Amino acid sequence: MTYINNPNRTMSEPGKELHEAFLRMRRVNPCQKEHSRLLTAAVVNDRFRKLLLNNPAQALASGYCGEIFHFPPEEKQRVTAIQASSLSDFAEQLIEHRTPVHHYLNCP
């Protein structure tokens, strides 16, 4: 189908733009959901926040409220290596040095 005013311009298929936007979003950081879950747990629970800041490896291993965090080994290693004195500093480091997308292939 073409536009009436410009026969050289073709109209995209319905939903194509939305699908492409979704794919771009997924390529950005497929493990972003796990990052969000981790930070949310730290925001809502003082005890978990202190554990995350003092011993990130133990915080990931313990999980939160019976839920575990699903990070690929490379990302888990990166997250547990973060040393921060505040949650905002932790979040900044988490976002600042994101693991390249191709390492996230094992993310749920």
N, C-alpha and C. Protein backbone atom coordinates (compact mmCIF):
# COMPACT_ATOMS: atom_id res chain seq x y z
N MET A 1 0.85 -1.17 0.00
CA MET A 1 0.00 0.00 0.00
C MET A 1 0.90 1.24 0.00
N THR A 2 0.54 2.26 -0.74
CA THR A 2 1.33 3.48 -0.80
C THR A 2 0.49 4.66 -0.36
N TYR A 3 1.17 5.70 0.04
CA TYR A 3 0.48 6.94 0.38
C TYR A 3 0.03 7.63 -0.90
N ILE A 4 -1.10 8.30 -0.85
CA ILE A 4 -1.63 8.99 -2.02
C ILE A 4 -0.71 10.13 -2.44
N ASN A 5 -0.21 10.91 -1.48
CA ASN A 5 0.61 12.06 -1.80
C ASN A 5 2.04 11.71 -2.22
N ASN A 6 2.51 10.55 -1.85
CA ASN A 6 3.88 10.17 -2.16
C ASN A 6 3.91 8.69 -2.52
N PRO A 7 3.83 8.38 -3.80
CA PRO A 7 3.78 6.97 -4.22
C PRO A 7 5.07 6.20 -3.95
N ASN A 8 6.17 6.91 -3.66
CA ASN A 8 7.44 6.22 -3.38
C ASN A 8 7.56 5.77 -1.93
N ARG A 9 6.71 6.25 -1.08
CA ARG A 9 6.77 5.92 0.34
C ARG A 9 5.76 4.82 0.63
N THR A 10 6.22 3.72 1.19
CA THR A 10 5.30 2.62 1.49
C THR A 10 4.92 2.65 2.97
N MET A 11 3.74 2.20 3.24
CA MET A 11 3.23 2.15 4.61
C MET A 11 3.68 0.84 5.25
N SER A 12 4.05 0.91 6.51
CA SER A 12 4.48 -0.31 7.20
C SER A 12 3.29 -1.18 7.54
N GLU A 13 3.59 -2.47 7.74
CA GLU A 13 2.54 -3.40 8.12
C GLU A 13 2.03 -3.05 9.52
N PRO A 14 0.77 -3.35 9.81
CA PRO A 14 0.24 -3.06 11.14
C PRO A 14 1.04 -3.77 12.22
N GLY A 15 1.41 -3.04 13.24
CA GLY A 15 2.12 -3.61 14.37
C GLY A 15 3.63 -3.74 14.18
N LYS A 16 4.13 -3.48 12.98
CA LYS A 16 5.55 -3.66 12.71
C LYS A 16 6.40 -2.72 13.57
N GLU A 17 5.99 -1.47 13.66
CA GLU A 17 6.76 -0.50 14.46
C GLU A 17 6.79 -0.90 15.93
N LEU A 18 5.66 -1.35 16.45
CA LEU A 18 5.60 -1.78 17.84
C LEU A 18 6.50 -2.99 18.07
N HIS A 19 6.46 -3.94 17.15
CA HIS A 19 7.29 -5.13 17.25
C HIS A 19 8.78 -4.74 17.22
N GLU A 20 9.15 -3.84 16.32
CA GLU A 20 10.55 -3.41 16.23
C GLU A 20 10.98 -2.68 17.50
N ALA A 21 10.10 -1.88 18.07
CA ALA A 21 10.41 -1.19 19.33
C ALA A 21 10.61 -2.20 20.45
N PHE A 22 9.78 -3.22 20.48
CA PHE A 22 9.91 -4.27 21.49
C PHE A 22 11.24 -4.99 21.35
N LEU A 23 11.64 -5.31 20.13
CA LEU A 23 12.91 -5.99 19.90
C LEU A 23 14.09 -5.11 20.31
N ARG A 24 14.01 -3.82 20.02
CA ARG A 24 15.08 -2.89 20.44
C ARG A 24 15.17 -2.86 21.95
N MET A 25 14.05 -2.83 22.64
CA MET A 25 14.02 -2.79 24.09
C MET A 25 14.67 -4.06 24.66
N ARG A 26 14.36 -5.21 24.10
CA ARG A 26 14.92 -6.47 24.58
C ARG A 26 16.42 -6.53 24.35
N ARG A 27 16.89 -5.94 23.25
CA ARG A 27 18.32 -5.96 22.97
C ARG A 27 19.09 -5.08 23.93
N VAL A 28 18.45 -4.09 24.48
CA VAL A 28 19.13 -3.17 25.38
C VAL A 28 19.66 -3.91 26.59
N ASN A 29 18.83 -4.68 27.26
CA ASN A 29 19.27 -5.37 28.47
C ASN A 29 18.23 -6.40 28.89
N PRO A 30 18.34 -7.61 28.39
CA PRO A 30 17.35 -8.63 28.72
C PRO A 30 17.29 -8.98 30.21
N CYS A 31 18.34 -8.72 30.98
CA CYS A 31 18.32 -9.03 32.41
C CYS A 31 17.88 -7.83 33.24
N GLN A 32 17.40 -6.81 32.59
CA GLN A 32 16.99 -5.61 33.32
C GLN A 32 15.91 -5.93 34.34
N LYS A 33 15.07 -6.90 34.04
CA LYS A 33 14.03 -7.31 34.99
C LYS A 33 14.66 -7.78 36.30
N GLU A 34 15.73 -8.55 36.21
CA GLU A 34 16.39 -9.04 37.42
C GLU A 34 17.06 -7.89 38.18
N HIS A 35 17.64 -6.96 37.46
CA HIS A 35 18.21 -5.78 38.11
C HIS A 35 17.12 -5.03 38.87
N SER A 36 15.98 -4.87 38.23
CA SER A 36 14.86 -4.17 38.86
C SER A 36 14.36 -4.90 40.09
N ARG A 37 14.25 -6.22 40.00
CA ARG A 37 13.81 -7.02 41.15
C ARG A 37 14.79 -6.88 42.31
N LEU A 38 16.07 -6.91 42.01
CA LEU A 38 17.10 -6.79 43.03
C LEU A 38 17.03 -5.42 43.72
N LEU A 39 16.96 -4.37 42.93
CA LEU A 39 16.90 -3.02 43.50
C LEU A 39 15.59 -2.78 44.25
N THR A 40 14.50 -3.33 43.75
CA THR A 40 13.21 -3.16 44.42
C THR A 40 13.25 -3.82 45.80
N ALA A 41 13.81 -5.01 45.88
CA ALA A 41 13.92 -5.69 47.17
C ALA A 41 14.74 -4.85 48.14
N ALA A 42 15.81 -4.24 47.64
CA ALA A 42 16.67 -3.41 48.49
C ALA A 42 15.96 -2.13 48.93
N VAL A 43 15.09 -1.61 48.10
CA VAL A 43 14.36 -0.38 48.44
C VAL A 43 13.32 -0.66 49.52
N VAL A 44 12.61 -1.76 49.40
CA VAL A 44 11.50 -2.02 50.31
C VAL A 44 11.89 -2.71 51.62
N ASN A 45 13.12 -3.23 51.67
CA ASN A 45 13.51 -3.97 52.88
C ASN A 45 14.90 -3.54 53.34
N ASP A 46 14.93 -2.90 54.48
CA ASP A 46 16.18 -2.37 55.04
C ASP A 46 17.20 -3.48 55.29
N ARG A 47 16.74 -4.59 55.79
CA ARG A 47 17.63 -5.72 56.09
C ARG A 47 18.30 -6.25 54.81
N PHE A 48 17.50 -6.42 53.76
CA PHE A 48 18.05 -6.90 52.49
C PHE A 48 19.00 -5.86 51.90
N ARG A 49 18.64 -4.58 52.01
CA ARG A 49 19.49 -3.51 51.49
C ARG A 49 20.86 -3.55 52.17
N LYS A 50 20.89 -3.69 53.49
CA LYS A 50 22.16 -3.75 54.22
C LYS A 50 22.98 -4.97 53.78
N LEU A 51 22.32 -6.10 53.61
CA LEU A 51 23.00 -7.30 53.17
C LEU A 51 23.58 -7.10 51.76
N LEU A 52 22.81 -6.51 50.87
CA LEU A 52 23.26 -6.27 49.50
C LEU A 52 24.48 -5.36 49.49
N LEU A 53 24.48 -4.33 50.31
CA LEU A 53 25.60 -3.40 50.34
C LEU A 53 26.84 -3.99 51.01
N ASN A 54 26.64 -4.82 52.03
CA ASN A 54 27.76 -5.39 52.76
C ASN A 54 28.27 -6.71 52.19
N ASN A 55 27.37 -7.48 51.59
CA ASN A 55 27.75 -8.78 51.07
C ASN A 55 26.84 -9.15 49.89
N PRO A 56 27.09 -8.55 48.72
CA PRO A 56 26.21 -8.80 47.57
C PRO A 56 26.09 -10.28 47.19
N ALA A 57 27.17 -11.03 47.35
CA ALA A 57 27.11 -12.46 47.00
C ALA A 57 26.11 -13.19 47.89
N GLN A 58 26.13 -12.89 49.18
CA GLN A 58 25.19 -13.51 50.10
C GLN A 58 23.76 -13.06 49.82
N ALA A 59 23.59 -11.79 49.47
CA ALA A 59 22.26 -11.28 49.15
C ALA A 59 21.67 -12.00 47.93
N LEU A 60 22.49 -12.20 46.90
CA LEU A 60 22.01 -12.92 45.71
C LEU A 60 21.72 -14.38 46.04
N ALA A 61 22.60 -14.98 46.83
CA ALA A 61 22.41 -16.40 47.19
C ALA A 61 21.16 -16.59 48.06
N SER A 62 20.90 -15.64 48.94
CA SER A 62 19.75 -15.74 49.85
C SER A 62 18.43 -15.48 49.15
N GLY A 63 18.46 -14.60 48.16
CA GLY A 63 17.22 -14.20 47.51
C GLY A 63 16.43 -13.28 48.41
N TYR A 64 15.17 -13.10 48.07
CA TYR A 64 14.33 -12.20 48.86
C TYR A 64 12.92 -12.77 48.93
N CYS A 65 12.42 -12.95 50.13
CA CYS A 65 11.05 -13.47 50.36
C CYS A 65 10.77 -14.77 49.60
N GLY A 66 11.75 -15.66 49.62
CA GLY A 66 11.57 -16.93 48.94
C GLY A 66 11.81 -16.90 47.45
N GLU A 67 12.09 -15.74 46.89
CA GLU A 67 12.35 -15.60 45.46
C GLU A 67 13.86 -15.55 45.24
N ILE A 68 14.32 -16.21 44.20
CA ILE A 68 15.74 -16.14 43.87
C ILE A 68 15.94 -15.21 42.68
N PHE A 69 17.16 -14.75 42.52
CA PHE A 69 17.50 -13.88 41.40
C PHE A 69 18.15 -14.72 40.31
N HIS A 70 17.75 -14.49 39.08
CA HIS A 70 18.21 -15.28 37.94
C HIS A 70 19.18 -14.47 37.09
N PHE A 71 20.46 -14.57 37.40
CA PHE A 71 21.49 -13.90 36.61
C PHE A 71 22.39 -14.94 35.97
N PRO A 72 22.82 -14.71 34.74
CA PRO A 72 23.83 -15.60 34.16
C PRO A 72 25.12 -15.47 34.99
N PRO A 73 25.99 -16.46 34.95
CA PRO A 73 27.20 -16.44 35.78
C PRO A 73 28.04 -15.17 35.64
N GLU A 74 28.22 -14.67 34.41
CA GLU A 74 29.04 -13.47 34.22
C GLU A 74 28.42 -12.26 34.90
N GLU A 75 27.11 -12.14 34.79
CA GLU A 75 26.42 -11.00 35.40
C GLU A 75 26.40 -11.13 36.91
N LYS A 76 26.20 -12.34 37.39
CA LYS A 76 26.21 -12.58 38.83
C LYS A 76 27.56 -12.18 39.42
N GLN A 77 28.63 -12.55 38.74
CA GLN A 77 29.97 -12.20 39.19
C GLN A 77 30.16 -10.68 39.21
N ARG A 78 29.65 -10.03 38.19
CA ARG A 78 29.78 -8.56 38.12
C ARG A 78 29.00 -7.89 39.23
N VAL A 79 27.78 -8.35 39.47
CA VAL A 79 26.93 -7.76 40.51
C VAL A 79 27.54 -7.98 41.88
N THR A 80 28.05 -9.16 42.13
CA THR A 80 28.60 -9.44 43.46
C THR A 80 29.93 -8.72 43.71
N ALA A 81 30.56 -8.23 42.66
CA ALA A 81 31.82 -7.49 42.82
C ALA A 81 31.59 -6.00 43.12
N ILE A 82 30.36 -5.54 43.03
CA ILE A 82 30.07 -4.13 43.29
C ILE A 82 30.32 -3.82 44.75
N GLN A 83 31.04 -2.73 44.98
CA GLN A 83 31.29 -2.24 46.34
C GLN A 83 30.69 -0.85 46.42
N ALA A 84 29.66 -0.71 47.24
CA ALA A 84 28.96 0.56 47.35
C ALA A 84 28.57 0.81 48.80
N SER A 85 28.52 2.09 49.16
CA SER A 85 28.14 2.45 50.53
C SER A 85 26.67 2.86 50.62
N SER A 86 26.05 3.08 49.46
CA SER A 86 24.63 3.45 49.46
C SER A 86 23.93 2.73 48.31
N LEU A 87 22.63 2.63 48.41
CA LEU A 87 21.87 1.97 47.35
C LEU A 87 21.96 2.75 46.04
N SER A 88 21.97 4.07 46.12
CA SER A 88 22.09 4.85 44.89
C SER A 88 23.44 4.61 44.22
N ASP A 89 24.49 4.49 45.00
CA ASP A 89 25.81 4.18 44.46
C ASP A 89 25.82 2.78 43.84
N PHE A 90 25.19 1.82 44.51
CA PHE A 90 25.08 0.46 43.99
C PHE A 90 24.36 0.47 42.64
N ALA A 91 23.22 1.15 42.60
CA ALA A 91 22.42 1.22 41.36
C ALA A 91 23.21 1.89 40.24
N GLU A 92 23.93 2.93 40.57
CA GLU A 92 24.73 3.63 39.56
C GLU A 92 25.78 2.70 38.97
N GLN A 93 26.46 1.95 39.82
CA GLN A 93 27.47 1.00 39.34
C GLN A 93 26.84 -0.14 38.55
N LEU A 94 25.67 -0.56 38.97
CA LEU A 94 24.96 -1.62 38.27
C LEU A 94 24.63 -1.20 36.84
N ILE A 95 24.20 0.03 36.69
CA ILE A 95 23.80 0.54 35.37
C ILE A 95 25.01 0.99 34.55
N GLU A 96 25.99 1.55 35.22
CA GLU A 96 27.15 2.14 34.55
C GLU A 96 27.93 1.15 33.70
N HIS A 97 28.12 -0.02 34.21
CA HIS A 97 28.95 -1.01 33.50
C HIS A 97 28.15 -2.25 33.17
N ARG A 98 27.10 -2.07 32.42
CA ARG A 98 26.27 -3.21 32.04
C ARG A 98 27.05 -4.19 31.19
N THR A 99 26.77 -5.44 31.41
CA THR A 99 27.38 -6.50 30.62
C THR A 99 26.81 -6.42 29.21
N PRO A 100 27.65 -6.62 28.18
CA PRO A 100 27.13 -6.58 26.80
C PRO A 100 25.98 -7.56 26.61
N VAL A 101 25.08 -7.20 25.72
CA VAL A 101 23.84 -7.96 25.51
C VAL A 101 24.10 -9.43 25.19
N HIS A 102 25.13 -9.75 24.40
CA HIS A 102 25.33 -11.15 24.01
C HIS A 102 25.63 -12.05 25.21
N HIS A 103 26.00 -11.50 26.35
CA HIS A 103 26.23 -12.31 27.55
C HIS A 103 24.92 -12.67 28.24
N TYR A 104 23.83 -12.06 27.85
CA TYR A 104 22.55 -12.28 28.51
C TYR A 104 21.73 -13.41 27.89
N LEU A 105 22.27 -14.15 27.01
CA LEU A 105 21.49 -15.15 26.30
C LEU A 105 20.86 -16.18 27.23
N ASN A 106 21.43 -16.40 28.40
CA ASN A 106 20.87 -17.38 29.34
C ASN A 106 19.89 -16.78 30.32
N CYS A 107 19.55 -15.53 30.14
CA CYS A 107 18.62 -14.87 31.06
C CYS A 107 17.19 -15.34 30.80
N PRO A 108 16.41 -15.54 31.85
CA PRO A 108 15.01 -15.94 31.65
C PRO A 108 14.19 -14.79 31.10
